[in-house]
Amino acid sequence: MYKRNEQDLSSRLNNRIEVRRKEKINTSLGVSYQEVFYKKIWANIIPLTSLIKNGQGETEYSQNRLKIIIRKTKDIQTTDLLIIESQKYEIESIIPNFNLKDRLEIRASLKVE
């Protein structure tokens, strides 16, 4: 009988997320940036925190933070955006896993007002 290894990465990557990159375009008003599709990747998404805070002008906002584990790649940048279930998450940090060198941990946050 096959016993699934807890370190097996392929069995844990069960969410398909989209990576978008900001691309510089020249317009008649000057330089602007536009989000373009870059690629789709498989990921393991772990919720970290969800906070509701008071903002300016008697408004409230929630801030959701996630830990996202993906296969190791060199082309993900901190300026990229991650689209998870039609919501845009900004990358806070990209941390390589030094014990198991086959994966990256990405910390991302969503701020909804």
N, C-alpha and C. Protein backbone atom coordinates (compact mmCIF):
# COMPACT_ATOMS: atom_id res chain seq x y z
N MET A 1 0.84 -1.17 0.00
CA MET A 1 0.00 0.00 0.00
C MET A 1 0.89 1.24 0.00
N TYR A 2 0.54 2.19 -0.84
CA TYR A 2 1.32 3.42 -0.97
C TYR A 2 0.97 4.38 0.17
N LYS A 3 1.96 4.80 0.91
CA LYS A 3 1.76 5.76 2.00
C LYS A 3 2.21 7.13 1.50
N ARG A 4 1.29 8.09 1.55
CA ARG A 4 1.59 9.40 1.03
C ARG A 4 2.55 10.14 1.96
N ASN A 5 3.61 10.64 1.39
CA ASN A 5 4.62 11.37 2.13
C ASN A 5 4.15 12.80 2.39
N GLU A 6 4.29 13.28 3.62
CA GLU A 6 3.88 14.64 3.96
C GLU A 6 4.72 15.67 3.22
N GLN A 7 5.90 15.31 2.81
CA GLN A 7 6.77 16.24 2.11
C GLN A 7 6.48 16.28 0.61
N ASP A 8 5.61 15.40 0.13
CA ASP A 8 5.29 15.33 -1.28
C ASP A 8 4.54 16.59 -1.72
N LEU A 9 5.18 17.40 -2.53
CA LEU A 9 4.63 18.70 -2.91
C LEU A 9 3.50 18.59 -3.91
N SER A 10 3.60 17.66 -4.84
CA SER A 10 2.60 17.57 -5.90
C SER A 10 1.20 17.24 -5.38
N SER A 11 1.10 16.52 -4.28
CA SER A 11 -0.22 16.20 -3.74
C SER A 11 -0.85 17.37 -2.99
N ARG A 12 -0.05 18.37 -2.62
CA ARG A 12 -0.57 19.50 -1.85
C ARG A 12 -0.93 20.69 -2.73
N LEU A 13 -0.45 20.75 -3.95
CA LEU A 13 -0.74 21.89 -4.84
C LEU A 13 -2.09 21.66 -5.51
N ASN A 14 -3.16 22.13 -4.87
CA ASN A 14 -4.50 21.82 -5.36
C ASN A 14 -5.30 23.05 -5.77
N ASN A 15 -4.69 24.22 -5.84
CA ASN A 15 -5.35 25.44 -6.27
C ASN A 15 -4.64 26.02 -7.48
N ARG A 16 -5.42 26.42 -8.48
CA ARG A 16 -4.86 27.03 -9.69
C ARG A 16 -5.00 28.53 -9.55
N ILE A 17 -3.87 29.25 -9.56
CA ILE A 17 -3.91 30.71 -9.44
C ILE A 17 -3.28 31.34 -10.67
N GLU A 18 -3.67 32.58 -10.90
CA GLU A 18 -3.19 33.32 -12.07
C GLU A 18 -2.20 34.38 -11.62
N VAL A 19 -1.13 34.53 -12.37
CA VAL A 19 -0.13 35.56 -12.10
C VAL A 19 -0.27 36.62 -13.17
N ARG A 20 -0.40 37.88 -12.73
CA ARG A 20 -0.45 39.01 -13.66
C ARG A 20 0.73 39.92 -13.38
N ARG A 21 1.23 40.50 -14.45
CA ARG A 21 2.40 41.37 -14.37
C ARG A 21 2.04 42.75 -14.89
N LYS A 22 2.60 43.78 -14.28
CA LYS A 22 2.37 45.15 -14.76
C LYS A 22 3.36 45.44 -15.88
N GLU A 23 2.81 45.85 -17.01
CA GLU A 23 3.62 46.12 -18.19
C GLU A 23 3.54 47.60 -18.53
N LYS A 24 4.69 48.18 -18.84
CA LYS A 24 4.75 49.60 -19.17
C LYS A 24 4.26 49.82 -20.59
N ILE A 25 3.35 50.79 -20.78
CA ILE A 25 2.86 51.13 -22.11
C ILE A 25 2.96 52.65 -22.28
N ASN A 26 3.23 53.07 -23.49
CA ASN A 26 3.28 54.49 -23.81
C ASN A 26 1.93 54.93 -24.35
N THR A 27 1.38 55.97 -23.75
CA THR A 27 0.10 56.52 -24.22
C THR A 27 0.33 57.97 -24.62
N SER A 28 -0.73 58.60 -25.11
CA SER A 28 -0.61 60.00 -25.51
C SER A 28 -0.40 60.91 -24.29
N LEU A 29 -0.74 60.44 -23.11
CA LEU A 29 -0.54 61.23 -21.89
C LEU A 29 0.77 60.94 -21.20
N GLY A 30 1.51 59.98 -21.69
CA GLY A 30 2.79 59.61 -21.09
C GLY A 30 2.87 58.12 -20.86
N VAL A 31 3.66 57.73 -19.88
CA VAL A 31 3.87 56.32 -19.57
C VAL A 31 2.81 55.86 -18.58
N SER A 32 2.25 54.69 -18.84
CA SER A 32 1.23 54.12 -17.96
C SER A 32 1.55 52.63 -17.79
N TYR A 33 0.89 52.01 -16.81
CA TYR A 33 1.09 50.58 -16.57
C TYR A 33 -0.24 49.86 -16.72
N GLN A 34 -0.17 48.68 -17.29
CA GLN A 34 -1.36 47.87 -17.52
C GLN A 34 -1.07 46.45 -17.04
N GLU A 35 -2.06 45.83 -16.39
CA GLU A 35 -1.92 44.45 -15.93
C GLU A 35 -2.14 43.50 -17.10
N VAL A 36 -1.22 42.57 -17.30
CA VAL A 36 -1.36 41.58 -18.36
C VAL A 36 -1.18 40.19 -17.76
N PHE A 37 -1.85 39.23 -18.35
CA PHE A 37 -1.74 37.83 -17.93
C PHE A 37 -0.31 37.37 -18.14
N TYR A 38 0.27 36.72 -17.13
CA TYR A 38 1.63 36.20 -17.26
C TYR A 38 1.62 34.68 -17.35
N LYS A 39 1.03 34.01 -16.35
CA LYS A 39 0.92 32.56 -16.40
C LYS A 39 0.03 32.06 -15.27
N LYS A 40 -0.32 30.78 -15.32
CA LYS A 40 -1.07 30.12 -14.26
C LYS A 40 -0.15 29.11 -13.59
N ILE A 41 -0.31 29.00 -12.28
CA ILE A 41 0.52 28.06 -11.52
C ILE A 41 -0.34 27.32 -10.50
N TRP A 42 0.13 26.15 -10.09
CA TRP A 42 -0.52 25.38 -9.04
C TRP A 42 0.05 25.81 -7.70
N ALA A 43 -0.83 25.89 -6.68
CA ALA A 43 -0.39 26.38 -5.38
C ALA A 43 -1.16 25.73 -4.25
N ASN A 44 -0.56 25.76 -3.08
CA ASN A 44 -1.21 25.39 -1.84
C ASN A 44 -1.45 26.69 -1.08
N ILE A 45 -2.70 27.03 -0.77
CA ILE A 45 -3.05 28.30 -0.15
C ILE A 45 -3.42 28.05 1.31
N ILE A 46 -2.75 28.77 2.20
CA ILE A 46 -2.98 28.65 3.63
C ILE A 46 -3.37 30.02 4.17
N PRO A 47 -4.59 30.19 4.70
CA PRO A 47 -4.99 31.48 5.27
C PRO A 47 -4.18 31.76 6.55
N LEU A 48 -3.72 32.99 6.70
CA LEU A 48 -2.96 33.37 7.89
C LEU A 48 -3.79 34.23 8.84
N THR A 49 -4.17 35.42 8.38
CA THR A 49 -4.94 36.33 9.23
C THR A 49 -6.01 37.03 8.43
N SER A 50 -7.02 37.48 9.13
CA SER A 50 -8.07 38.30 8.55
C SER A 50 -8.43 39.34 9.60
N LEU A 51 -8.15 40.60 9.31
CA LEU A 51 -8.36 41.68 10.27
C LEU A 51 -9.37 42.67 9.74
N ILE A 52 -10.18 43.21 10.63
CA ILE A 52 -11.08 44.32 10.28
C ILE A 52 -10.61 45.52 11.09
N LYS A 53 -10.27 46.59 10.38
CA LYS A 53 -9.73 47.78 11.03
C LYS A 53 -10.55 48.99 10.66
N ASN A 54 -10.45 50.02 11.48
CA ASN A 54 -11.07 51.30 11.17
C ASN A 54 -10.12 52.12 10.31
N GLY A 55 -10.66 52.63 9.21
CA GLY A 55 -9.86 53.44 8.31
C GLY A 55 -10.15 54.91 8.48
N GLN A 56 -9.80 55.69 7.51
CA GLN A 56 -10.03 57.12 7.55
C GLN A 56 -11.48 57.42 7.19
N GLY A 57 -12.01 58.48 7.77
CA GLY A 57 -13.37 58.91 7.42
C GLY A 57 -14.45 57.93 7.82
N GLU A 58 -14.30 57.32 8.99
CA GLU A 58 -15.29 56.38 9.51
C GLU A 58 -15.56 55.21 8.58
N THR A 59 -14.54 54.73 7.91
CA THR A 59 -14.68 53.55 7.06
C THR A 59 -13.97 52.38 7.71
N GLU A 60 -14.40 51.20 7.37
CA GLU A 60 -13.75 49.98 7.83
C GLU A 60 -13.17 49.24 6.64
N TYR A 61 -12.09 48.56 6.86
CA TYR A 61 -11.54 47.72 5.81
C TYR A 61 -11.04 46.42 6.42
N SER A 62 -11.03 45.40 5.61
CA SER A 62 -10.50 44.12 6.06
C SER A 62 -9.23 43.82 5.29
N GLN A 63 -8.30 43.21 5.98
CA GLN A 63 -7.04 42.84 5.35
C GLN A 63 -6.84 41.34 5.55
N ASN A 64 -6.80 40.61 4.47
CA ASN A 64 -6.61 39.16 4.49
C ASN A 64 -5.20 38.84 4.04
N ARG A 65 -4.53 37.97 4.78
CA ARG A 65 -3.17 37.57 4.44
C ARG A 65 -3.14 36.06 4.22
N LEU A 66 -2.37 35.64 3.22
CA LEU A 66 -2.24 34.24 2.87
C LEU A 66 -0.78 33.84 2.78
N LYS A 67 -0.54 32.55 3.03
CA LYS A 67 0.75 31.95 2.70
C LYS A 67 0.49 31.02 1.53
N ILE A 68 1.23 31.20 0.47
CA ILE A 68 1.03 30.43 -0.76
C ILE A 68 2.32 29.67 -1.05
N ILE A 69 2.19 28.36 -1.20
CA ILE A 69 3.36 27.53 -1.49
C ILE A 69 3.27 27.07 -2.94
N ILE A 70 4.36 27.31 -3.69
CA ILE A 70 4.42 26.93 -5.11
C ILE A 70 5.74 26.19 -5.36
N ARG A 71 5.81 25.57 -6.54
CA ARG A 71 7.08 24.98 -6.96
C ARG A 71 8.10 26.08 -7.19
N LYS A 72 9.35 25.76 -6.98
CA LYS A 72 10.41 26.75 -7.13
C LYS A 72 10.51 27.21 -8.58
N THR A 73 10.51 28.51 -8.76
CA THR A 73 10.66 29.12 -10.07
C THR A 73 11.41 30.43 -9.90
N LYS A 74 12.05 30.89 -10.94
CA LYS A 74 12.84 32.12 -10.85
C LYS A 74 12.11 33.33 -11.42
N ASP A 75 10.95 33.14 -12.00
CA ASP A 75 10.32 34.26 -12.72
C ASP A 75 9.15 34.91 -12.00
N ILE A 76 8.91 34.62 -10.73
CA ILE A 76 7.89 35.32 -9.94
C ILE A 76 8.57 36.51 -9.27
N GLN A 77 7.95 37.69 -9.39
CA GLN A 77 8.52 38.91 -8.83
C GLN A 77 7.58 39.48 -7.76
N THR A 78 8.11 40.30 -6.88
CA THR A 78 7.30 40.91 -5.83
C THR A 78 6.34 41.96 -6.38
N THR A 79 6.54 42.40 -7.59
CA THR A 79 5.63 43.38 -8.20
C THR A 79 4.46 42.71 -8.91
N ASP A 80 4.45 41.38 -9.01
CA ASP A 80 3.36 40.66 -9.66
C ASP A 80 2.11 40.67 -8.78
N LEU A 81 0.97 40.42 -9.41
CA LEU A 81 -0.30 40.28 -8.71
C LEU A 81 -0.77 38.84 -8.85
N LEU A 82 -1.38 38.31 -7.81
CA LEU A 82 -1.93 36.96 -7.84
C LEU A 82 -3.45 37.06 -7.84
N ILE A 83 -4.10 36.36 -8.78
CA ILE A 83 -5.55 36.35 -8.86
C ILE A 83 -6.02 35.01 -8.32
N ILE A 84 -6.74 35.08 -7.18
CA ILE A 84 -7.26 33.89 -6.54
C ILE A 84 -8.76 34.09 -6.37
N GLU A 85 -9.54 33.28 -7.06
CA GLU A 85 -11.00 33.36 -7.03
C GLU A 85 -11.48 34.79 -7.30
N SER A 86 -11.00 35.39 -8.36
CA SER A 86 -11.37 36.72 -8.85
C SER A 86 -10.99 37.85 -7.90
N GLN A 87 -10.07 37.62 -7.00
CA GLN A 87 -9.60 38.67 -6.10
C GLN A 87 -8.11 38.87 -6.30
N LYS A 88 -7.67 40.14 -6.27
CA LYS A 88 -6.27 40.48 -6.49
C LYS A 88 -5.51 40.53 -5.17
N TYR A 89 -4.46 39.75 -5.10
CA TYR A 89 -3.59 39.73 -3.94
C TYR A 89 -2.23 40.31 -4.34
N GLU A 90 -1.70 41.19 -3.50
CA GLU A 90 -0.39 41.76 -3.72
C GLU A 90 0.64 40.92 -2.98
N ILE A 91 1.77 40.68 -3.61
CA ILE A 91 2.83 39.89 -3.01
C ILE A 91 3.60 40.76 -2.03
N GLU A 92 3.72 40.29 -0.79
CA GLU A 92 4.50 40.99 0.22
C GLU A 92 5.95 40.51 0.24
N SER A 93 6.13 39.19 0.13
CA SER A 93 7.48 38.64 0.14
C SER A 93 7.50 37.28 -0.52
N ILE A 94 8.68 36.91 -1.01
CA ILE A 94 8.92 35.59 -1.61
C ILE A 94 10.09 34.98 -0.85
N ILE A 95 9.83 33.85 -0.20
CA ILE A 95 10.84 33.24 0.67
C ILE A 95 11.14 31.84 0.17
N PRO A 96 12.39 31.53 -0.16
CA PRO A 96 12.72 30.16 -0.54
C PRO A 96 12.73 29.25 0.68
N ASN A 97 12.32 28.01 0.49
CA ASN A 97 12.36 27.02 1.56
C ASN A 97 13.76 26.41 1.54
N PHE A 98 14.53 26.66 2.60
CA PHE A 98 15.92 26.22 2.63
C PHE A 98 16.07 24.75 3.00
N ASN A 99 15.09 24.16 3.67
CA ASN A 99 15.15 22.74 4.00
C ASN A 99 14.83 21.88 2.78
N LEU A 100 13.69 22.18 2.15
CA LEU A 100 13.26 21.46 0.95
C LEU A 100 13.40 22.44 -0.21
N LYS A 101 14.40 22.31 -0.98
CA LYS A 101 14.76 23.32 -1.98
C LYS A 101 13.90 23.30 -3.23
N ASP A 102 12.75 22.62 -3.17
CA ASP A 102 11.90 22.51 -4.35
C ASP A 102 10.70 23.44 -4.34
N ARG A 103 10.60 24.34 -3.36
CA ARG A 103 9.40 25.17 -3.25
C ARG A 103 9.72 26.58 -2.77
N LEU A 104 8.75 27.48 -3.01
CA LEU A 104 8.81 28.86 -2.54
C LEU A 104 7.59 29.15 -1.68
N GLU A 105 7.76 29.98 -0.68
CA GLU A 105 6.64 30.46 0.12
C GLU A 105 6.42 31.92 -0.21
N ILE A 106 5.20 32.25 -0.59
CA ILE A 106 4.85 33.62 -0.93
C ILE A 106 3.86 34.12 0.11
N ARG A 107 4.12 35.28 0.67
CA ARG A 107 3.17 35.94 1.57
C ARG A 107 2.45 37.00 0.74
N ALA A 108 1.12 36.96 0.75
CA ALA A 108 0.32 37.89 -0.05
C ALA A 108 -0.83 38.43 0.78
N SER A 109 -1.28 39.63 0.41
CA SER A 109 -2.38 40.23 1.17
C SER A 109 -3.40 40.85 0.23
N LEU A 110 -4.64 40.87 0.70
CA LEU A 110 -5.78 41.47 0.00
C LEU A 110 -6.36 42.52 0.92
N LYS A 111 -6.53 43.72 0.40
CA LYS A 111 -7.12 44.79 1.21
C LYS A 111 -8.42 45.20 0.53
N VAL A 112 -9.54 45.02 1.24
CA VAL A 112 -10.85 45.35 0.72
C VAL A 112 -11.43 46.47 1.55
N GLU A 113 -11.85 47.54 0.89
CA GLU A 113 -12.46 48.68 1.60
C GLU A 113 -13.96 48.68 1.41
